[in-house]
PDB file of all heavy atoms in Angstrom:
ATOM      1  N   GLY A   1       0.802  -1.221   0.000  1.00  0.00           N
ATOM      2  CA  GLY A   1       0.000   0.000   0.000  1.00  0.00           C
ATOM      3  C   GLY A   1       0.832   1.267   0.000  1.00  0.00           C
ATOM      4  O   GLY A   1       2.026   1.237  -0.302  1.00  0.00           O
ATOM      5  N   HIS A   2       0.204   2.370   0.346  1.00  0.00           N
ATOM      6  CA  HIS A   2       0.892   3.663   0.341  1.00  0.00           C
ATOM      7  C   HIS A   2       0.631   4.373   1.667  1.00  0.00           C
ATOM      8  O   HIS A   2      -0.361   4.099   2.347  1.00  0.00           O
ATOM      9  CB  HIS A   2       0.397   4.523  -0.826  1.00  0.00           C
ATOM     10  CG  HIS A   2       1.186   5.787  -1.024  1.00  0.00           C
ATOM     11  ND1 HIS A   2       0.747   7.022  -0.594  1.00  0.00           N
ATOM     12  CD2 HIS A   2       2.400   5.994  -1.596  1.00  0.00           C
ATOM     13  CE1 HIS A   2       1.645   7.941  -0.901  1.00  0.00           C
ATOM     14  NE2 HIS A   2       2.662   7.348  -1.496  1.00  0.00           N
ATOM     15  N   LEU A   3       1.509   5.291   2.025  1.00  0.00           N
ATOM     16  CA  LEU A   3       1.344   6.065   3.259  1.00  0.00           C
ATOM     17  C   LEU A   3      -0.040   6.668   3.372  1.00  0.00           C
ATOM     18  O   LEU A   3      -0.655   6.682   4.442  1.00  0.00           O
ATOM     19  CB  LEU A   3       2.388   7.184   3.317  1.00  0.00           C
ATOM     20  CG  LEU A   3       3.821   6.818   3.706  1.00  0.00           C
ATOM     21  CD1 LEU A   3       4.737   8.005   3.456  1.00  0.00           C
ATOM     22  CD2 LEU A   3       3.887   6.384   5.163  1.00  0.00           C
ATOM     23  N   THR A   4      -0.555   7.176   2.258  1.00  0.00           N
ATOM     24  CA  THR A   4      -1.842   7.867   2.263  1.00  0.00           C
ATOM     25  C   THR A   4      -3.030   6.918   2.234  1.00  0.00           C
ATOM     26  O   THR A   4      -4.169   7.357   2.076  1.00  0.00           O
ATOM     27  CB  THR A   4      -1.931   8.841   1.078  1.00  0.00           C
ATOM     28  OG1 THR A   4      -1.687   8.111  -0.129  1.00  0.00           O
ATOM     29  CG2 THR A   4      -0.928   9.960   1.212  1.00  0.00           C
ATOM     30  N   HIS A   5      -2.772   5.627   2.367  1.00  0.00           N
ATOM     31  CA  HIS A   5      -3.863   4.648   2.410  1.00  0.00           C
ATOM     32  C   HIS A   5      -4.143   4.200   3.838  1.00  0.00           C
ATOM     33  O   HIS A   5      -4.794   3.176   4.044  1.00  0.00           O
ATOM     34  CB  HIS A   5      -3.529   3.428   1.535  1.00  0.00           C
ATOM     35  CG  HIS A   5      -3.350   3.760   0.090  1.00  0.00           C
ATOM     36  ND1 HIS A   5      -2.985   2.815  -0.861  1.00  0.00           N
ATOM     37  CD2 HIS A   5      -3.469   4.928  -0.592  1.00  0.00           C
ATOM     38  CE1 HIS A   5      -2.897   3.390  -2.051  1.00  0.00           C
ATOM     39  NE2 HIS A   5      -3.189   4.680  -1.903  1.00  0.00           N
ATOM     40  N   GLY A   6      -3.589   4.952   4.813  1.00  0.00           N
ATOM     41  CA  GLY A   6      -3.947   4.663   6.183  1.00  0.00           C
ATOM     42  C   GLY A   6      -2.829   4.528   7.177  1.00  0.00           C
ATOM     43  O   GLY A   6      -3.044   4.100   8.313  1.00  0.00           O
ATOM     44  N   HIS A   7      -1.601   4.878   6.792  1.00  0.00           N
ATOM     45  CA  HIS A   7      -0.498   4.759   7.749  1.00  0.00           C
ATOM     46  C   HIS A   7      -0.742   5.704   8.927  1.00  0.00           C
ATOM     47  O   HIS A   7      -1.131   6.866   8.743  1.00  0.00           O
ATOM     48  CB  HIS A   7       0.834   5.098   7.076  1.00  0.00           C
ATOM     49  CG  HIS A   7       2.022   4.746   7.903  1.00  0.00           C
ATOM     50  ND1 HIS A   7       2.496   5.555   8.900  1.00  0.00           N
ATOM     51  CD2 HIS A   7       2.830   3.646   7.900  1.00  0.00           C
ATOM     52  CE1 HIS A   7       3.547   4.990   9.467  1.00  0.00           C
ATOM     53  NE2 HIS A   7       3.761   3.822   8.881  1.00  0.00           N
ATOM     54  N   PRO A   8      -0.503   5.234  10.159  1.00  0.00           N
ATOM     55  CA  PRO A   8      -0.819   6.050  11.344  1.00  0.00           C
ATOM     56  C   PRO A   8      -0.077   7.373  11.436  1.00  0.00           C
ATOM     57  O   PRO A   8      -0.544   8.301  12.103  1.00  0.00           O
ATOM     58  CB  PRO A   8      -0.451   5.128  12.520  1.00  0.00           C
ATOM     59  CG  PRO A   8       0.436   4.069  11.942  1.00  0.00           C
ATOM     60  CD  PRO A   8      -0.014   3.893  10.534  1.00  0.00           C
ATOM     61  N   LEU A   9       1.078   7.502  10.795  1.00  0.00           N
ATOM     62  CA  LEU A   9       1.823   8.753  10.840  1.00  0.00           C
ATOM     63  C   LEU A   9       1.393   9.737   9.750  1.00  0.00           C
ATOM     64  O   LEU A   9       1.855  10.873   9.715  1.00  0.00           O
ATOM     65  CB  LEU A   9       3.329   8.484  10.719  1.00  0.00           C
ATOM     66  CG  LEU A   9       3.959   7.654  11.847  1.00  0.00           C
ATOM     67  CD1 LEU A   9       5.443   7.445  11.583  1.00  0.00           C
ATOM     68  CD2 LEU A   9       3.741   8.328  13.197  1.00  0.00           C
ATOM     69  N   ASN A  10       0.510   9.288   8.867  1.00  0.00           N
ATOM     70  CA  ASN A  10       0.033  10.107   7.759  1.00  0.00           C
ATOM     71  C   ASN A  10      -1.328  10.720   8.107  1.00  0.00           C
ATOM     72  O   ASN A  10      -2.003  10.262   9.030  1.00  0.00           O
ATOM     73  CB  ASN A  10      -0.066   9.221   6.506  1.00  0.00           C
ATOM     74  CG  ASN A  10      -0.469   9.984   5.267  1.00  0.00           C
ATOM     75  OD1 ASN A  10      -1.627   9.922   4.850  1.00  0.00           O
ATOM     76  ND2 ASN A  10       0.462  10.709   4.682  1.00  0.00           N
ATOM     77  N   PHE A  11      -1.750  11.745   7.362  1.00  0.00           N
ATOM     78  CA  PHE A  11      -3.065  12.349   7.600  1.00  0.00           C
ATOM     79  C   PHE A  11      -4.161  11.288   7.558  1.00  0.00           C
ATOM     80  O   PHE A  11      -5.133  11.330   8.317  1.00  0.00           O
ATOM     81  CB  PHE A  11      -3.363  13.446   6.559  1.00  0.00           C
ATOM     82  CG  PHE A  11      -3.860  12.916   5.235  1.00  0.00           C
ATOM     83  CD1 PHE A  11      -5.206  12.664   5.019  1.00  0.00           C
ATOM     84  CD2 PHE A  11      -2.978  12.643   4.194  1.00  0.00           C
ATOM     85  CE1 PHE A  11      -5.670  12.166   3.806  1.00  0.00           C
ATOM     86  CE2 PHE A  11      -3.421  12.142   2.986  1.00  0.00           C
ATOM     87  CZ  PHE A  11      -4.777  11.899   2.794  1.00  0.00           C
ATOM     88  N   SER A  12      -4.008  10.312   6.654  1.00  0.00           N
ATOM     89  CA  SER A  12      -5.041   9.292   6.473  1.00  0.00           C
ATOM     90  C   SER A  12      -5.230   8.454   7.727  1.00  0.00           C
ATOM     91  O   SER A  12      -6.369   8.116   8.100  1.00  0.00           O
ATOM     92  CB  SER A  12      -4.689   8.389   5.283  1.00  0.00           C
ATOM     93  OG  SER A  12      -3.382   7.841   5.428  1.00  0.00           O
ATOM     94  N   GLY A  13      -4.119   8.115   8.379  1.00  0.00           N
ATOM     95  CA  GLY A  13      -4.200   7.311   9.586  1.00  0.00           C
ATOM     96  C   GLY A  13      -4.526   8.100  10.833  1.00  0.00           C
ATOM     97  O   GLY A  13      -5.060   7.550  11.807  1.00  0.00           O
ATOM     98  N   SER A  14      -4.216   9.389  10.834  1.00  0.00           N
ATOM     99  CA  SER A  14      -4.464  10.205  12.024  1.00  0.00           C
ATOM    100  C   SER A  14      -5.855  10.828  12.033  1.00  0.00           C
ATOM    101  O   SER A  14      -6.406  11.112  13.098  1.00  0.00           O
ATOM    102  CB  SER A  14      -3.401  11.311  12.140  1.00  0.00           C
ATOM    103  OG  SER A  14      -3.451  12.189  11.033  1.00  0.00           O
ATOM    104  N   LEU A  15      -6.447  11.029  10.866  1.00  0.00           N
ATOM    105  CA  LEU A  15      -7.767  11.672  10.801  1.00  0.00           C
ATOM    106  C   LEU A  15      -8.911  10.689  10.587  1.00  0.00           C
ATOM    107  O   LEU A  15     -10.072  11.031  10.800  1.00  0.00           O
ATOM    108  CB  LEU A  15      -7.793  12.704   9.667  1.00  0.00           C
ATOM    109  CG  LEU A  15      -6.841  13.895   9.801  1.00  0.00           C
ATOM    110  CD1 LEU A  15      -6.969  14.811   8.588  1.00  0.00           C
ATOM    111  CD2 LEU A  15      -7.109  14.670  11.079  1.00  0.00           C
ATOM    112  N   TYR A  16      -8.578   9.468  10.147  1.00  0.00           N
ATOM    113  CA  TYR A  16      -9.628   8.498   9.829  1.00  0.00           C
ATOM    114  C   TYR A  16      -9.381   7.196  10.587  1.00  0.00           C
ATOM    115  O   TYR A  16      -8.262   6.896  11.001  1.00  0.00           O
ATOM    116  CB  TYR A  16      -9.671   8.249   8.316  1.00  0.00           C
ATOM    117  CG  TYR A  16      -9.938   9.517   7.531  1.00  0.00           C
ATOM    118  CD1 TYR A  16      -8.889  10.336   7.113  1.00  0.00           C
ATOM    119  CD2 TYR A  16     -11.237   9.913   7.239  1.00  0.00           C
ATOM    120  CE1 TYR A  16      -9.130  11.529   6.426  1.00  0.00           C
ATOM    121  CE2 TYR A  16     -11.484  11.100   6.550  1.00  0.00           C
ATOM    122  CZ  TYR A  16     -10.425  11.901   6.148  1.00  0.00           C
ATOM    123  OH  TYR A  16     -10.677  13.062   5.475  1.00  0.00           O
ATOM    124  N   ASN A  17     -10.434   6.427  10.758  1.00  0.00           N
ATOM    125  CA  ASN A  17     -10.370   5.141  11.443  1.00  0.00           C
ATOM    126  C   ASN A  17     -10.018   4.075  10.405  1.00  0.00           C
ATOM    127  O   ASN A  17     -10.861   3.697   9.588  1.00  0.00           O
ATOM    128  CB  ASN A  17     -11.719   4.850  12.111  1.00  0.00           C
ATOM    129  CG  ASN A  17     -11.729   3.536  12.855  1.00  0.00           C
ATOM    130  OD1 ASN A  17     -10.698   2.893  13.023  1.00  0.00           O
ATOM    131  ND2 ASN A  17     -12.906   3.122  13.294  1.00  0.00           N
ATOM    132  N   ILE A  18      -8.780   3.598  10.431  1.00  0.00           N
ATOM    133  CA  ILE A  18      -8.270   2.736   9.358  1.00  0.00           C
ATOM    134  C   ILE A  18      -8.291   1.260   9.738  1.00  0.00           C
ATOM    135  O   ILE A  18      -7.886   0.871  10.830  1.00  0.00           O
ATOM    136  CB  ILE A  18      -6.828   3.130   8.983  1.00  0.00           C
ATOM    137  CG1 ILE A  18      -6.773   4.601   8.537  1.00  0.00           C
ATOM    138  CG2 ILE A  18      -6.274   2.207   7.900  1.00  0.00           C
ATOM    139  CD1 ILE A  18      -7.535   4.920   7.261  1.00  0.00           C
ATOM    140  N   VAL A  19      -8.786   0.454   8.812  1.00  0.00           N
ATOM    141  CA  VAL A  19      -8.608  -0.993   8.879  1.00  0.00           C
ATOM    142  C   VAL A  19      -7.871  -1.406   7.612  1.00  0.00           C
ATOM    143  O   VAL A  19      -8.076  -0.814   6.547  1.00  0.00           O
ATOM    144  CB  VAL A  19      -9.945  -1.750   9.002  1.00  0.00           C
ATOM    145  CG1 VAL A  19     -10.583  -1.492  10.340  1.00  0.00           C
ATOM    146  CG2 VAL A  19     -10.892  -1.393   7.865  1.00  0.00           C
ATOM    147  N   SER A  20      -6.996  -2.392   7.724  1.00  0.00           N
ATOM    148  CA  SER A  20      -6.142  -2.758   6.595  1.00  0.00           C
ATOM    149  C   SER A  20      -6.455  -4.150   6.067  1.00  0.00           C
ATOM    150  O   SER A  20      -6.947  -5.016   6.795  1.00  0.00           O
ATOM    151  CB  SER A  20      -4.667  -2.698   7.007  1.00  0.00           C
ATOM    152  OG  SER A  20      -4.289  -1.398   7.364  1.00  0.00           O
ATOM    153  N   TYR A  21      -6.160  -4.344   4.795  1.00  0.00           N
ATOM    154  CA  TYR A  21      -6.168  -5.685   4.216  1.00  0.00           C
ATOM    155  C   TYR A  21      -4.760  -5.997   3.736  1.00  0.00           C
ATOM    156  O   TYR A  21      -3.952  -5.086   3.489  1.00  0.00           O
ATOM    157  CB  TYR A  21      -7.194  -5.814   3.087  1.00  0.00           C
ATOM    158  CG  TYR A  21      -6.994  -4.901   1.892  1.00  0.00           C
ATOM    159  CD1 TYR A  21      -6.241  -5.299   0.787  1.00  0.00           C
ATOM    160  CD2 TYR A  21      -7.585  -3.635   1.848  1.00  0.00           C
ATOM    161  CE1 TYR A  21      -6.078  -4.477  -0.315  1.00  0.00           C
ATOM    162  CE2 TYR A  21      -7.431  -2.804   0.755  1.00  0.00           C
ATOM    163  CZ  TYR A  21      -6.677  -3.230  -0.325  1.00  0.00           C
ATOM    164  OH  TYR A  21      -6.505  -2.405  -1.412  1.00  0.00           O
ATOM    165  N   GLN A  22      -4.443  -7.284   3.645  1.00  0.00           N
ATOM    166  CA  GLN A  22      -3.108  -7.723   3.283  1.00  0.00           C
ATOM    167  C   GLN A  22      -3.162  -8.698   2.117  1.00  0.00           C
ATOM    168  O   GLN A  22      -4.240  -9.052   1.634  1.00  0.00           O
ATOM    169  CB  GLN A  22      -2.433  -8.388   4.497  1.00  0.00           C
ATOM    170  CG  GLN A  22      -2.295  -7.482   5.711  1.00  0.00           C
ATOM    171  CD  GLN A  22      -1.600  -8.159   6.872  1.00  0.00           C
ATOM    172  OE1 GLN A  22      -1.574  -9.384   6.981  1.00  0.00           O
ATOM    173  NE2 GLN A  22      -1.018  -7.363   7.770  1.00  0.00           N
ATOM    174  N   VAL A  23      -1.982  -9.120   1.669  1.00  0.00           N
ATOM    175  CA  VAL A  23      -1.913 -10.140   0.634  1.00  0.00           C
ATOM    176  C   VAL A  23      -1.914 -11.519   1.284  1.00  0.00           C
ATOM    177  O   VAL A  23      -1.670 -11.666   2.486  1.00  0.00           O
ATOM    178  CB  VAL A  23      -0.661  -9.977  -0.252  1.00  0.00           C
ATOM    179  CG1 VAL A  23      -0.699  -8.644  -0.989  1.00  0.00           C
ATOM    180  CG2 VAL A  23       0.626 -10.103   0.575  1.00  0.00           C
ATOM    181  N   SER A  24      -2.168 -12.521   0.488  1.00  0.00           N
ATOM    182  CA  SER A  24      -2.179 -13.892   0.983  1.00  0.00           C
ATOM    183  C   SER A  24      -0.764 -14.356   1.312  1.00  0.00           C
ATOM    184  O   SER A  24       0.163 -14.115   0.531  1.00  0.00           O
ATOM    185  CB  SER A  24      -2.777 -14.831  -0.075  1.00  0.00           C
ATOM    186  OG  SER A  24      -2.466 -16.182   0.201  1.00  0.00           O
ATOM    187  N   PRO A  25      -0.556 -15.039   2.436  1.00  0.00           N
ATOM    188  CA  PRO A  25       0.777 -15.561   2.761  1.00  0.00           C
ATOM    189  C   PRO A  25       1.212 -16.681   1.827  1.00  0.00           C
ATOM    190  O   PRO A  25       2.393 -17.044   1.798  1.00  0.00           O
ATOM    191  CB  PRO A  25       0.614 -16.065   4.198  1.00  0.00           C
ATOM    192  CG  PRO A  25      -0.839 -16.335   4.353  1.00  0.00           C
ATOM    193  CD  PRO A  25      -1.534 -15.320   3.499  1.00  0.00           C
ATOM    194  N   LYS A  26       0.285 -17.235   1.060  1.00  0.00           N
ATOM    195  CA  LYS A  26       0.618 -18.308   0.118  1.00  0.00           C
ATOM    196  C   LYS A  26       1.025 -17.765  -1.251  1.00  0.00           C
ATOM    197  O   LYS A  26       2.016 -18.189  -1.841  1.00  0.00           O
ATOM    198  CB  LYS A  26      -0.567 -19.262  -0.033  1.00  0.00           C
ATOM    199  CG  LYS A  26      -0.909 -20.043   1.237  1.00  0.00           C
ATOM    200  CD  LYS A  26      -2.091 -20.971   0.986  1.00  0.00           C
ATOM    201  CE  LYS A  26      -2.433 -21.761   2.247  1.00  0.00           C
ATOM    202  NZ  LYS A  26      -3.603 -22.665   2.028  1.00  0.00           N
ATOM    203  N   THR A  27       0.251 -16.806  -1.765  1.00  0.00           N
ATOM    204  CA  THR A  27       0.497 -16.297  -3.120  1.00  0.00           C
ATOM    205  C   THR A  27       1.143 -14.919  -3.141  1.00  0.00           C
ATOM    206  O   THR A  27       1.649 -14.500  -4.179  1.00  0.00           O
ATOM    207  CB  THR A  27      -0.830 -16.201  -3.884  1.00  0.00           C
ATOM    208  OG1 THR A  27      -1.676 -15.227  -3.236  1.00  0.00           O
ATOM    209  CG2 THR A  27      -1.536 -17.545  -3.929  1.00  0.00           C
ATOM    210  N   TYR A  28       1.093 -14.217  -2.014  1.00  0.00           N
ATOM    211  CA  TYR A  28       1.559 -12.823  -1.931  1.00  0.00           C
ATOM    212  C   TYR A  28       0.776 -11.915  -2.880  1.00  0.00           C
ATOM    213  O   TYR A  28       1.267 -10.891  -3.316  1.00  0.00           O
ATOM    214  CB  TYR A  28       3.064 -12.728  -2.170  1.00  0.00           C
ATOM    215  CG  TYR A  28       3.871 -13.262  -1.014  1.00  0.00           C
ATOM    216  CD1 TYR A  28       4.200 -14.620  -0.939  1.00  0.00           C
ATOM    217  CD2 TYR A  28       4.265 -12.441   0.031  1.00  0.00           C
ATOM    218  CE1 TYR A  28       4.914 -15.127   0.138  1.00  0.00           C
ATOM    219  CE2 TYR A  28       4.978 -12.942   1.113  1.00  0.00           C
ATOM    220  CZ  TYR A  28       5.292 -14.277   1.167  1.00  0.00           C
ATOM    221  OH  TYR A  28       5.986 -14.773   2.240  1.00  0.00           O
ATOM    222  N   GLN A  29      -0.442 -12.334  -3.186  1.00  0.00           N
ATOM    223  CA  GLN A  29      -1.358 -11.522  -3.977  1.00  0.00           C
ATOM    224  C   GLN A  29      -2.633 -11.278  -3.164  1.00  0.00           C
ATOM    225  O   GLN A  29      -2.883 -11.953  -2.162  1.00  0.00           O
ATOM    226  CB  GLN A  29      -1.688 -12.220  -5.296  1.00  0.00           C
ATOM    227  CG  GLN A  29      -0.461 -12.424  -6.187  1.00  0.00           C
ATOM    228  CD  GLN A  29      -0.819 -12.960  -7.563  1.00  0.00           C
ATOM    229  OE1 GLN A  29      -1.795 -12.526  -8.172  1.00  0.00           O
ATOM    230  NE2 GLN A  29      -0.020 -13.894  -8.059  1.00  0.00           N
ATOM    231  N   ILE A  30      -3.429 -10.300  -3.609  1.00  0.00           N
ATOM    232  CA  ILE A  30      -4.661  -9.970  -2.893  1.00  0.00           C
ATOM    233  C   ILE A  30      -5.602 -11.166  -2.900  1.00  0.00           C
ATOM    234  O   ILE A  30      -5.886 -11.750  -3.954  1.00  0.00           O
ATOM    235  CB  ILE A  30      -5.354  -8.754  -3.532  1.00  0.00           C
ATOM    236  CG1 ILE A  30      -4.477  -7.505  -3.416  1.00  0.00           C
ATOM    237  CG2 ILE A  30      -6.711  -8.500  -2.876  1.00  0.00           C
ATOM    238  CD1 ILE A  30      -4.989  -6.318  -4.221  1.00  0.00           C
ATOM    239  N   ASP A  31      -6.087 -11.539  -1.722  1.00  0.00           N
ATOM    240  CA  ASP A  31      -7.095 -12.584  -1.576  1.00  0.00           C
ATOM    241  C   ASP A  31      -8.444 -11.869  -1.462  1.00  0.00           C
ATOM    242  O   ASP A  31      -8.782 -11.311  -0.417  1.00  0.00           O
ATOM    243  CB  ASP A  31      -6.813 -13.427  -0.322  1.00  0.00           C
ATOM    244  CG  ASP A  31      -7.793 -14.578  -0.144  1.00  0.00           C
ATOM    245  OD1 ASP A  31      -8.952 -14.450  -0.600  1.00  0.00           O
ATOM    246  OD2 ASP A  31      -7.410 -15.594   0.462  1.00  0.00           O
ATOM    247  N   TYR A  32      -9.225 -11.874  -2.556  1.00  0.00           N
ATOM    248  CA  TYR A  32     -10.457 -11.089  -2.582  1.00  0.00           C
ATOM    249  C   TYR A  32     -11.537 -11.656  -1.667  1.00  0.00           C
ATOM    250  O   TYR A  32     -12.397 -10.904  -1.185  1.00  0.00           O
ATOM    251  CB  TYR A  32     -10.965 -10.968  -4.019  1.00  0.00           C
ATOM    252  CG  TYR A  32     -10.043 -10.117  -4.875  1.00  0.00           C
ATOM    253  CD1 TYR A  32      -9.033 -10.707  -5.646  1.00  0.00           C
ATOM    254  CD2 TYR A  32     -10.144  -8.736  -4.874  1.00  0.00           C
ATOM    255  CE1 TYR A  32      -8.173  -9.928  -6.402  1.00  0.00           C
ATOM    256  CE2 TYR A  32      -9.285  -7.945  -5.628  1.00  0.00           C
ATOM    257  CZ  TYR A  32      -8.291  -8.549  -6.397  1.00  0.00           C
ATOM    258  OH  TYR A  32      -7.428  -7.782  -7.136  1.00  0.00           O
ATOM    259  N   ASP A  33     -11.482 -12.955  -1.386  1.00  0.00           N
ATOM    260  CA  ASP A  33     -12.428 -13.536  -0.436  1.00  0.00           C
ATOM    261  C   ASP A  33     -12.136 -13.027   0.971  1.00  0.00           C
ATOM    262  O   ASP A  33     -13.063 -12.667   1.722  1.00  0.00           O
ATOM    263  CB  ASP A  33     -12.344 -15.071  -0.470  1.00  0.00           C
ATOM    264  CG  ASP A  33     -12.884 -15.654  -1.762  1.00  0.00           C
ATOM    265  OD1 ASP A  33     -13.766 -15.011  -2.376  1.00  0.00           O
ATOM    266  OD2 ASP A  33     -12.419 -16.747  -2.175  1.00  0.00           O
ATOM    267  N   GLU A  34     -10.867 -12.978   1.338  1.00  0.00           N
ATOM    268  CA  GLU A  34     -10.495 -12.465   2.650  1.00  0.00           C
ATOM    269  C   GLU A  34     -10.793 -10.969   2.739  1.00  0.00           C
ATOM    270  O   GLU A  34     -11.258 -10.471   3.772  1.00  0.00           O
ATOM    271  CB  GLU A  34      -9.016 -12.722   2.930  1.00  0.00           C
ATOM    272  CG  GLU A  34      -8.585 -12.262   4.317  1.00  0.00           C
ATOM    273  CD  GLU A  34      -7.109 -12.478   4.594  1.00  0.00           C
ATOM    274  OE1 GLU A  34      -6.308 -12.418   3.636  1.00  0.00           O
ATOM    275  OE2 GLU A  34      -6.762 -12.683   5.770  1.00  0.00           O
ATOM    276  N   LEU A  35     -10.528 -10.258   1.640  1.00  0.00           N
ATOM    277  CA  LEU A  35     -10.820  -8.824   1.612  1.00  0.00           C
ATOM    278  C   LEU A  35     -12.312  -8.589   1.874  1.00  0.00           C
ATOM    279  O   LEU A  35     -12.693  -7.708   2.656  1.00  0.00           O
ATOM    280  CB  LEU A  35     -10.418  -8.254   0.244  1.00  0.00           C
ATOM    281  CG  LEU A  35     -10.385  -6.732   0.081  1.00  0.00           C
ATOM    282  CD1 LEU A  35      -9.369  -6.346  -0.987  1.00  0.00           C
ATOM    283  CD2 LEU A  35     -11.746  -6.182  -0.312  1.00  0.00           C
ATOM    284  N   ARG A  36     -13.152  -9.407   1.237  1.00  0.00           N
ATOM    285  CA  ARG A  36     -14.593  -9.279   1.436  1.00  0.00           C
ATOM    286  C   ARG A  36     -14.968  -9.562   2.885  1.00  0.00           C
ATOM    287  O   ARG A  36     -15.805  -8.858   3.468  1.00  0.00           O
ATOM    288  CB  ARG A  36     -15.339 -10.237   0.506  1.00  0.00           C
ATOM    289  CG  ARG A  36     -16.849 -10.205   0.690  1.00  0.00           C
ATOM    290  CD  ARG A  36     -17.564 -11.283  -0.102  1.00  0.00           C
ATOM    291  NE  ARG A  36     -18.972 -11.330   0.290  1.00  0.00           N
ATOM    292  CZ  ARG A  36     -19.432 -11.993   1.349  1.00  0.00           C
ATOM    293  NH1 ARG A  36     -18.589 -12.678   2.129  1.00  0.00           N
ATOM    294  NH2 ARG A  36     -20.715 -11.973   1.643  1.00  0.00           N
ATOM    295  N   GLU A  37     -14.367 -10.590   3.478  1.00  0.00           N
ATOM    296  CA  GLU A  37     -14.675 -10.944   4.870  1.00  0.00           C
ATOM    297  C   GLU A  37     -14.366  -9.775   5.811  1.00  0.00           C
ATOM    298  O   GLU A  37     -15.160  -9.463   6.704  1.00  0.00           O
ATOM    299  CB  GLU A  37     -13.868 -12.173   5.290  1.00  0.00           C
ATOM    300  CG  GLU A  37     -14.342 -13.471   4.652  1.00  0.00           C
ATOM    301  CD  GLU A  37     -13.481 -14.653   5.066  1.00  0.00           C
ATOM    302  OE1 GLU A  37     -12.650 -14.495   5.991  1.00  0.00           O
ATOM    303  OE2 GLU A  37     -13.621 -15.727   4.450  1.00  0.00           O
ATOM    304  N   ILE A  38     -13.224  -9.144   5.593  1.00  0.00           N
ATOM    305  CA  ILE A  38     -12.847  -8.000   6.430  1.00  0.00           C
ATOM    306  C   ILE A  38     -13.832  -6.854   6.226  1.00  0.00           C
ATOM    307  O   ILE A  38     -14.285  -6.215   7.179  1.00  0.00           O
ATOM    308  CB  ILE A  38     -11.410  -7.534   6.107  1.00  0.00           C
ATOM    309  CG1 ILE A  38     -10.400  -8.646   6.400  1.00  0.00           C
ATOM    310  CG2 ILE A  38     -11.058  -6.278   6.908  1.00  0.00           C
ATOM    311  CD1 ILE A  38      -9.000  -8.343   5.902  1.00  0.00           C
ATOM    312  N   ALA A  39     -14.174  -6.602   4.967  1.00  0.00           N
ATOM    313  CA  ALA A  39     -15.082  -5.494   4.651  1.00  0.00           C
ATOM    314  C   ALA A  39     -16.464  -5.712   5.263  1.00  0.00           C
ATOM    315  O   ALA A  39     -17.072  -4.785   5.810  1.00  0.00           O
ATOM    316  CB  ALA A  39     -15.181  -5.320   3.144  1.00  0.00           C
ATOM    317  N   VAL A  40     -16.977  -6.928   5.152  1.00  0.00           N
ATOM    318  CA  VAL A  40     -18.300  -7.241   5.703  1.00  0.00           C
ATOM    319  C   VAL A  40     -18.274  -7.112   7.218  1.00  0.00           C
ATOM    320  O   VAL A  40     -19.227  -6.612   7.837  1.00  0.00           O
ATOM    321  CB  VAL A  40     -18.742  -8.652   5.274  1.00  0.00           C
ATOM    322  CG1 VAL A  40     -19.991  -9.084   6.047  1.00  0.00           C
ATOM    323  CG2 VAL A  40     -19.022  -8.687   3.770  1.00  0.00           C
ATOM    324  N   ARG A  41     -17.188  -7.534   7.843  1.00  0.00           N
ATOM    325  CA  ARG A  41     -17.074  -7.454   9.300  1.00  0.00           C
ATOM    326  C   ARG A  41     -16.907  -6.015   9.786  1.00  0.00           C
ATOM    327  O   ARG A  41     -17.540  -5.580  10.746  1.00  0.00           O
ATOM    328  CB  ARG A  41     -15.886  -8.304   9.764  1.00  0.00           C
ATOM    329  CG  ARG A  41     -15.697  -8.316  11.277  1.00  0.00           C
ATOM    330  CD  ARG A  41     -14.553  -9.215  11.692  1.00  0.00           C
ATOM    331  NE  ARG A  41     -13.252  -8.703  11.291  1.00  0.00           N
ATOM    332  CZ  ARG A  41     -12.455  -9.300  10.407  1.00  0.00           C
ATOM    333  NH1 ARG A  41     -12.823 -10.428   9.817  1.00  0.00           N
ATOM    334  NH2 ARG A  41     -11.287  -8.772  10.100  1.00  0.00           N
ATOM    335  N   GLU A  42     -16.049  -5.242   9.104  1.00  0.00           N
ATOM    336  CA  GLU A  42     -15.695  -3.896   9.567  1.00  0.00           C
ATOM    337  C   GLU A  42     -16.613  -2.801   9.036  1.00  0.00           C
ATOM    338  O   GLU A  42     -16.728  -1.735   9.632  1.00  0.00           O
ATOM    339  CB  GLU A  42     -14.243  -3.578   9.170  1.00  0.00           C
ATOM    340  CG  GLU A  42     -13.205  -4.494   9.803  1.00  0.00           C
ATOM    341  CD  GLU A  42     -13.057  -4.246  11.294  1.00  0.00           C
ATOM    342  OE1 GLU A  42     -13.490  -3.174  11.776  1.00  0.00           O
ATOM    343  OE2 GLU A  42     -12.497  -5.121  11.973  1.00  0.00           O
ATOM    344  N   LYS A  43     -17.229  -3.060   7.887  1.00  0.00           N
ATOM    345  CA  LYS A  43     -18.145  -2.096   7.253  1.00  0.00           C
ATOM    346  C   LYS A  43     -17.549  -0.687   7.138  1.00  0.00           C
ATOM    347  O   LYS A  43     -18.088   0.291   7.674  1.00  0.00           O
ATOM    348  CB  LYS A  43     -19.470  -2.040   7.994  1.00  0.00           C
ATOM    349  CG  LYS A  43     -20.266  -3.336   7.867  1.00  0.00           C
ATOM    350  CD  LYS A  43     -21.593  -3.248   8.564  1.00  0.00           C
ATOM    351  CE  LYS A  43     -22.449  -4.460   8.248  1.00  0.00           C
ATOM    352  NZ  LYS A  43     -21.776  -5.761   8.542  1.00  0.00           N
ATOM    353  N   PRO A  44     -16.438  -0.539   6.402  1.00  0.00           N
ATOM    354  CA  PRO A  44     -15.856   0.794   6.192  1.00  0.00           C
ATOM    355  C   PRO A  44     -16.743   1.648   5.297  1.00  0.00           C
ATOM    356  O   PRO A  44     -17.503   1.112   4.484  1.00  0.00           O
ATOM    357  CB  PRO A  44     -14.518   0.485   5.514  1.00  0.00           C
ATOM    358  CG  PRO A  44     -14.768  -0.799   4.777  1.00  0.00           C
ATOM    359  CD  PRO A  44     -15.679  -1.588   5.686  1.00  0.00           C
ATOM    360  N   ARG A  45     -16.625   2.968   5.431  1.00  0.00           N
ATOM    361  CA  ARG A  45     -17.365   3.876   4.551  1.00  0.00           C
ATOM    362  C   ARG A  45     -16.711   3.967   3.182  1.00  0.00           C
ATOM    363  O   ARG A  45     -17.359   4.335   2.201  1.00  0.00           O
ATOM    364  CB  ARG A  45     -17.422   5.280   5.186  1.00  0.00           C
ATOM    365  CG  ARG A  45     -18.334   5.391   6.392  1.00  0.00           C
ATOM    366  CD  ARG A  45     -19.807   5.418   5.998  1.00  0.00           C
ATOM    367  NE  ARG A  45     -20.102   6.449   5.028  1.00  0.00           N
ATOM    368  CZ  ARG A  45     -20.322   7.734   5.326  1.00  0.00           C
ATOM    369  NH1 ARG A  45     -20.252   8.140   6.580  1.00  0.00           N
ATOM    370  NH2 ARG A  45     -20.615   8.601   4.375  1.00  0.00           N
TER     371      ARG A  45
END
């Protein structure tokens, strides 16, 4: 990701409530099923 996508030292992380998604430990690529699970659980705006 990028600093402006939610890093705590950046405006994005200090002004907004950030939850993060990661890549799969197996493929090192985005796991869209896991991304969906996080989104459904956290319900970001």
